[in-house]
Amino acid sequence: MNSPFDNLSGPGKPLKAEWRILSKCHDLRNLGEYEGDLNVDQRIVVDLIAACERVAAKVDALGAAD
């Protein structure tokens, strides 16, 4: 199954670490939302912001290639 993000993480476009951070943050959000256990530290927020910036740069580059 293909995802809309396949073009962002193919050969020469590694974003594996970024997707892991995004997934971890999603899991943390779910724990807070559904189980009331919201444990967010400064490190995960810093990592999330950096990952989002790298993914956004890749998305912007896709638009520039058109």
PDB file of N, CA and C in Angstrom:
ATOM      1  N   MET A   1       0.851  -1.178   0.000  1.00  0.00           N
ATOM      2  CA  MET A   1       0.000   0.000   0.000  1.00  0.00           C
ATOM      3  C   MET A   1       0.897   1.242   0.000  1.00  0.00           C
ATOM      4  N   ASN A   2       0.578   2.190  -0.842  1.00  0.00           N
ATOM      5  CA  ASN A   2       1.343   3.436  -0.916  1.00  0.00           C
ATOM      6  C   ASN A   2       0.709   4.500  -0.042  1.00  0.00           C
ATOM      7  N   SER A   3       1.565   5.330   0.499  1.00  0.00           N
ATOM      8  CA  SER A   3       1.076   6.452   1.296  1.00  0.00           C
ATOM      9  C   SER A   3       1.438   7.744   0.568  1.00  0.00           C
ATOM     10  N   PRO A   4       0.749   8.836   0.896  1.00  0.00           N
ATOM     11  CA  PRO A   4       1.082  10.112   0.264  1.00  0.00           C
ATOM     12  C   PRO A   4       2.498  10.569   0.587  1.00  0.00           C
ATOM     13  N   PHE A   5       3.122   9.945   1.589  1.00  0.00           N
ATOM     14  CA  PHE A   5       4.439  10.362   2.027  1.00  0.00           C
ATOM     15  C   PHE A   5       5.561   9.514   1.439  1.00  0.00           C
ATOM     16  N   ASP A   6       5.227   8.548   0.561  1.00  0.00           N
ATOM     17  CA  ASP A   6       6.259   7.690  -0.010  1.00  0.00           C
ATOM     18  C   ASP A   6       7.333   8.495  -0.734  1.00  0.00           C
ATOM     19  N   ASN A   7       6.962   9.572  -1.399  1.00  0.00           N
ATOM     20  CA  ASN A   7       7.936  10.398  -2.108  1.00  0.00           C
ATOM     21  C   ASN A   7       8.900  11.105  -1.168  1.00  0.00           C
ATOM     22  N   LEU A   8       8.551  11.185   0.093  1.00  0.00           N
ATOM     23  CA  LEU A   8       9.405  11.874   1.061  1.00  0.00           C
ATOM     24  C   LEU A   8      10.446  10.956   1.673  1.00  0.00           C
ATOM     25  N   SER A   9      10.234   9.654   1.597  1.00  0.00           N
ATOM     26  CA  SER A   9      11.134   8.760   2.321  1.00  0.00           C
ATOM     27  C   SER A   9      11.720   7.660   1.441  1.00  0.00           C
ATOM     28  N   GLY A  10      11.775   7.881   0.159  1.00  0.00           N
ATOM     29  CA  GLY A  10      12.352   6.892  -0.749  1.00  0.00           C
ATOM     30  C   GLY A  10      13.867   6.935  -0.702  1.00  0.00           C
ATOM     31  N   PRO A  11      14.506   6.194  -1.624  1.00  0.00           N
ATOM     32  CA  PRO A  11      15.976   6.189  -1.683  1.00  0.00           C
ATOM     33  C   PRO A  11      16.532   7.602  -1.817  1.00  0.00           C
ATOM     34  N   GLY A  12      17.519   7.907  -1.034  1.00  0.00           N
ATOM     35  CA  GLY A  12      18.122   9.232  -1.073  1.00  0.00           C
ATOM     36  C   GLY A  12      17.319  10.284  -0.330  1.00  0.00           C
ATOM     37  N   LYS A  13      16.225   9.884   0.261  1.00  0.00           N
ATOM     38  CA  LYS A  13      15.363  10.825   0.985  1.00  0.00           C
ATOM     39  C   LYS A  13      15.024  10.254   2.369  1.00  0.00           C
ATOM     40  N   PRO A  14      16.017   9.918   3.177  1.00  0.00           N
ATOM     41  CA  PRO A  14      15.725   9.246   4.439  1.00  0.00           C
ATOM     42  C   PRO A  14      15.034  10.147   5.458  1.00  0.00           C
ATOM     43  N   LEU A  15      13.870   9.737   5.875  1.00  0.00           N
ATOM     44  CA  LEU A  15      13.150  10.444   6.939  1.00  0.00           C
ATOM     45  C   LEU A  15      12.682   9.453   7.999  1.00  0.00           C
ATOM     46  N   LYS A  16      13.350   8.305   8.083  1.00  0.00           N
ATOM     47  CA  LYS A  16      12.938   7.275   9.016  1.00  0.00           C
ATOM     48  C   LYS A  16      12.915   7.785  10.455  1.00  0.00           C
ATOM     49  N   ALA A  17      13.948   8.501  10.859  1.00  0.00           N
ATOM     50  CA  ALA A  17      14.018   9.018  12.230  1.00  0.00           C
ATOM     51  C   ALA A  17      12.883  10.004  12.487  1.00  0.00           C
ATOM     52  N   GLU A  18      12.578  10.821  11.485  1.00  0.00           N
ATOM     53  CA  GLU A  18      11.510  11.801  11.644  1.00  0.00           C
ATOM     54  C   GLU A  18      10.167  11.112  11.832  1.00  0.00           C
ATOM     55  N   TRP A  19       9.911  10.060  11.034  1.00  0.00           N
ATOM     56  CA  TRP A  19       8.639   9.352  11.176  1.00  0.00           C
ATOM     57  C   TRP A  19       8.545   8.668  12.528  1.00  0.00           C
ATOM     58  N   ARG A  20       9.678   8.184  13.050  1.00  0.00           N
ATOM     59  CA  ARG A  20       9.652   7.564  14.386  1.00  0.00           C
ATOM     60  C   ARG A  20       9.296   8.588  15.457  1.00  0.00           C
ATOM     61  N   ILE A  21       9.833   9.785  15.343  1.00  0.00           N
ATOM     62  CA  ILE A  21       9.531  10.837  16.316  1.00  0.00           C
ATOM     63  C   ILE A  21       8.060  11.231  16.222  1.00  0.00           C
ATOM     64  N   LEU A  22       7.578  11.412  14.990  1.00  0.00           N
ATOM     65  CA  LEU A  22       6.162  11.765  14.806  1.00  0.00           C
ATOM     66  C   LEU A  22       5.252  10.674  15.370  1.00  0.00           C
ATOM     67  N   SER A  23       5.614   9.419  15.144  1.00  0.00           N
ATOM     68  CA  SER A  23       4.818   8.309  15.665  1.00  0.00           C
ATOM     69  C   SER A  23       4.839   8.284  17.194  1.00  0.00           C
ATOM     70  N   LYS A  24       6.013   8.505  17.777  1.00  0.00           N
ATOM     71  CA  LYS A  24       6.138   8.538  19.239  1.00  0.00           C
ATOM     72  C   LYS A  24       5.260   9.638  19.827  1.00  0.00           C
ATOM     73  N   CYS A  25       5.274  10.809  19.197  1.00  0.00           N
ATOM     74  CA  CYS A  25       4.454  11.920  19.690  1.00  0.00           C
ATOM     75  C   CYS A  25       2.967  11.618  19.549  1.00  0.00           C
ATOM     76  N   HIS A  26       2.608  10.941  18.467  1.00  0.00           N
ATOM     77  CA  HIS A  26       1.207  10.540  18.285  1.00  0.00           C
ATOM     78  C   HIS A  26       0.792   9.571  19.389  1.00  0.00           C
ATOM     79  N   ASP A  27       1.668   8.619  19.694  1.00  0.00           N
ATOM     80  CA  ASP A  27       1.384   7.675  20.781  1.00  0.00           C
ATOM     81  C   ASP A  27       1.245   8.395  22.123  1.00  0.00           C
ATOM     82  N   LEU A  28       2.123   9.367  22.383  1.00  0.00           N
ATOM     83  CA  LEU A  28       2.034  10.144  23.629  1.00  0.00           C
ATOM     84  C   LEU A  28       0.716  10.911  23.705  1.00  0.00           C
ATOM     85  N   ARG A  29       0.314  11.489  22.571  1.00  0.00           N
ATOM     86  CA  ARG A  29      -0.948  12.213  22.526  1.00  0.00           C
ATOM     87  C   ARG A  29      -2.114  11.276  22.821  1.00  0.00           C
ATOM     88  N   ASN A  30      -2.083  10.076  22.233  1.00  0.00           N
ATOM     89  CA  ASN A  30      -3.149   9.109  22.476  1.00  0.00           C
ATOM     90  C   ASN A  30      -3.215   8.710  23.945  1.00  0.00           C
ATOM     91  N   LEU A  31      -2.063   8.488  24.574  1.00  0.00           N
ATOM     92  CA  LEU A  31      -2.063   8.148  26.001  1.00  0.00           C
ATOM     93  C   LEU A  31      -2.698   9.269  26.820  1.00  0.00           C
ATOM     94  N   GLY A  32      -2.372  10.499  26.478  1.00  0.00           N
ATOM     95  CA  GLY A  32      -2.954  11.628  27.198  1.00  0.00           C
ATOM     96  C   GLY A  32      -4.450  11.753  26.962  1.00  0.00           C
ATOM     97  N   GLU A  33      -4.849  11.552  25.723  1.00  0.00           N
ATOM     98  CA  GLU A  33      -6.261  11.710  25.356  1.00  0.00           C
ATOM     99  C   GLU A  33      -7.138  10.598  25.916  1.00  0.00           C
ATOM    100  N   TYR A  34      -6.686   9.371  25.779  1.00  0.00           N
ATOM    101  CA  TYR A  34      -7.545   8.230  26.100  1.00  0.00           C
ATOM    102  C   TYR A  34      -7.300   7.619  27.467  1.00  0.00           C
ATOM    103  N   GLU A  35      -6.109   7.831  28.023  1.00  0.00           N
ATOM    104  CA  GLU A  35      -5.803   7.220  29.316  1.00  0.00           C
ATOM    105  C   GLU A  35      -5.447   8.242  30.386  1.00  0.00           C
ATOM    106  N   GLY A  36      -5.420   9.512  30.020  1.00  0.00           N
ATOM    107  CA  GLY A  36      -5.120  10.560  30.993  1.00  0.00           C
ATOM    108  C   GLY A  36      -3.671  10.596  31.434  1.00  0.00           C
ATOM    109  N   ASP A  37      -2.800   9.933  30.697  1.00  0.00           N
ATOM    110  CA  ASP A  37      -1.384   9.859  31.062  1.00  0.00           C
ATOM    111  C   ASP A  37      -0.575  10.686  30.070  1.00  0.00           C
ATOM    112  N   LEU A  38      -0.423  11.980  30.355  1.00  0.00           N
ATOM    113  CA  LEU A  38       0.300  12.863  29.459  1.00  0.00           C
ATOM    114  C   LEU A  38       1.666  13.163  30.065  1.00  0.00           C
ATOM    115  N   ASN A  39       2.692  12.520  29.513  1.00  0.00           N
ATOM    116  CA  ASN A  39       4.049  12.665  30.025  1.00  0.00           C
ATOM    117  C   ASN A  39       4.931  13.201  28.895  1.00  0.00           C
ATOM    118  N   VAL A  40       5.002  14.506  28.776  1.00  0.00           N
ATOM    119  CA  VAL A  40       5.768  15.153  27.710  1.00  0.00           C
ATOM    120  C   VAL A  40       6.928  15.902  28.346  1.00  0.00           C
ATOM    121  N   ASP A  41       8.134  15.611  27.853  1.00  0.00           N
ATOM    122  CA  ASP A  41       9.289  16.339  28.373  1.00  0.00           C
ATOM    123  C   ASP A  41       9.851  17.264  27.292  1.00  0.00           C
ATOM    124  N   GLN A  42      10.742  18.119  27.689  1.00  0.00           N
ATOM    125  CA  GLN A  42      11.293  19.124  26.783  1.00  0.00           C
ATOM    126  C   GLN A  42      12.007  18.479  25.601  1.00  0.00           C
ATOM    127  N   ARG A  43      12.686  17.379  25.817  1.00  0.00           N
ATOM    128  CA  ARG A  43      13.447  16.727  24.749  1.00  0.00           C
ATOM    129  C   ARG A  43      12.549  16.284  23.598  1.00  0.00           C
ATOM    130  N   ILE A  44      11.407  15.679  23.909  1.00  0.00           N
ATOM    131  CA  ILE A  44      10.524  15.199  22.844  1.00  0.00           C
ATOM    132  C   ILE A  44       9.931  16.377  22.069  1.00  0.00           C
ATOM    133  N   VAL A  45       9.681  17.487  22.737  1.00  0.00           N
ATOM    134  CA  VAL A  45       9.166  18.675  22.057  1.00  0.00           C
ATOM    135  C   VAL A  45      10.221  19.239  21.102  1.00  0.00           C
ATOM    136  N   VAL A  46      11.460  19.314  21.564  1.00  0.00           N
ATOM    137  CA  VAL A  46      12.559  19.797  20.713  1.00  0.00           C
ATOM    138  C   VAL A  46      12.730  18.869  19.507  1.00  0.00           C
ATOM    139  N   ASP A  47      12.700  17.560  19.744  1.00  0.00           N
ATOM    140  CA  ASP A  47      12.836  16.594  18.650  1.00  0.00           C
ATOM    141  C   ASP A  47      11.670  16.686  17.676  1.00  0.00           C
ATOM    142  N   LEU A  48      10.469  16.890  18.190  1.00  0.00           N
ATOM    143  CA  LEU A  48       9.286  17.020  17.337  1.00  0.00           C
ATOM    144  C   LEU A  48       9.382  18.242  16.436  1.00  0.00           C
ATOM    145  N   ILE A  49       9.771  19.359  16.997  1.00  0.00           N
ATOM    146  CA  ILE A  49       9.909  20.588  16.201  1.00  0.00           C
ATOM    147  C   ILE A  49      10.951  20.394  15.105  1.00  0.00           C
ATOM    148  N   ALA A  50      12.085  19.800  15.448  1.00  0.00           N
ATOM    149  CA  ALA A  50      13.139  19.572  14.452  1.00  0.00           C
ATOM    150  C   ALA A  50      12.661  18.620  13.358  1.00  0.00           C
ATOM    151  N   ALA A  51      11.956  17.556  13.738  1.00  0.00           N
ATOM    152  CA  ALA A  51      11.447  16.602  12.750  1.00  0.00           C
ATOM    153  C   ALA A  51      10.440  17.273  11.822  1.00  0.00           C
ATOM    154  N   CYS A  52       9.562  18.080  12.383  1.00  0.00           N
ATOM    155  CA  CYS A  52       8.565  18.788  11.567  1.00  0.00           C
ATOM    156  C   CYS A  52       9.237  19.742  10.584  1.00  0.00           C
ATOM    157  N   GLU A  53      10.288  20.404  11.027  1.00  0.00           N
ATOM    158  CA  GLU A  53      11.008  21.318  10.129  1.00  0.00           C
ATOM    159  C   GLU A  53      11.662  20.555   8.976  1.00  0.00           C
ATOM    160  N   ARG A  54      12.229  19.371   9.267  1.00  0.00           N
ATOM    161  CA  ARG A  54      12.866  18.582   8.208  1.00  0.00           C
ATOM    162  C   ARG A  54      11.833  18.030   7.227  1.00  0.00           C
ATOM    163  N   VAL A  55      10.703  17.568   7.733  1.00  0.00           N
ATOM    164  CA  VAL A  55       9.640  17.069   6.852  1.00  0.00           C
ATOM    165  C   VAL A  55       9.084  18.215   6.012  1.00  0.00           C
ATOM    166  N   ALA A  56       8.872  19.372   6.619  1.00  0.00           N
ATOM    167  CA  ALA A  56       8.366  20.533   5.871  1.00  0.00           C
ATOM    168  C   ALA A  56       9.329  20.938   4.761  1.00  0.00           C
ATOM    169  N   ALA A  57      10.625  20.872   5.024  1.00  0.00           N
ATOM    170  CA  ALA A  57      11.615  21.204   4.003  1.00  0.00           C
ATOM    171  C   ALA A  57      11.527  20.227   2.832  1.00  0.00           C
ATOM    172  N   LYS A  58      11.329  18.929   3.131  1.00  0.00           N
ATOM    173  CA  LYS A  58      11.173  17.936   2.069  1.00  0.00           C
ATOM    174  C   LYS A  58       9.906  18.205   1.262  1.00  0.00           C
ATOM    175  N   VAL A  59       8.821  18.545   1.923  1.00  0.00           N
ATOM    176  CA  VAL A  59       7.568  18.849   1.232  1.00  0.00           C
ATOM    177  C   VAL A  59       7.752  20.077   0.348  1.00  0.00           C
ATOM    178  N   ASP A  60       8.393  21.092   0.861  1.00  0.00           N
ATOM    179  CA  ASP A  60       8.656  22.293   0.061  1.00  0.00           C
ATOM    180  C   ASP A  60       9.499  21.963  -1.167  1.00  0.00           C
ATOM    181  N   ALA A  61      10.480  21.093  -1.004  1.00  0.00           N
ATOM    182  CA  ALA A  61      11.336  20.706  -2.122  1.00  0.00           C
ATOM    183  C   ALA A  61      10.545  19.959  -3.203  1.00  0.00           C
ATOM    184  N   LEU A  62       9.553  19.181  -2.800  1.00  0.00           N
ATOM    185  CA  LEU A  62       8.711  18.505  -3.780  1.00  0.00           C
ATOM    186  C   LEU A  62       7.946  19.502  -4.622  1.00  0.00           C
ATOM    187  N   GLY A  63       7.452  20.553  -3.996  1.00  0.00           N
ATOM    188  CA  GLY A  63       6.721  21.585  -4.724  1.00  0.00           C
ATOM    189  C   GLY A  63       7.625  22.350  -5.672  1.00  0.00           C
ATOM    190  N   ALA A  64       8.876  22.538  -5.301  1.00  0.00           N
ATOM    191  CA  ALA A  64       9.820  23.277  -6.141  1.00  0.00           C
ATOM    192  C   ALA A  64      10.217  22.453  -7.357  1.00  0.00           C
ATOM    193  N   ALA A  65      10.130  21.125  -7.259  1.00  0.00           N
ATOM    194  CA  ALA A  65      10.528  20.265  -8.372  1.00  0.00           C
ATOM    195  C   ALA A  65       9.483  20.240  -9.476  1.00  0.00           C
ATOM    196  N   ASP A  66       8.293  20.684  -9.202  1.00  0.00           N
ATOM    197  CA  ASP A  66       7.213  20.669 -10.213  1.00  0.00           C
ATOM    198  C   ASP A  66       7.368  21.733 -11.250  1.00  0.00           C
TER     199      ASP A  66
END
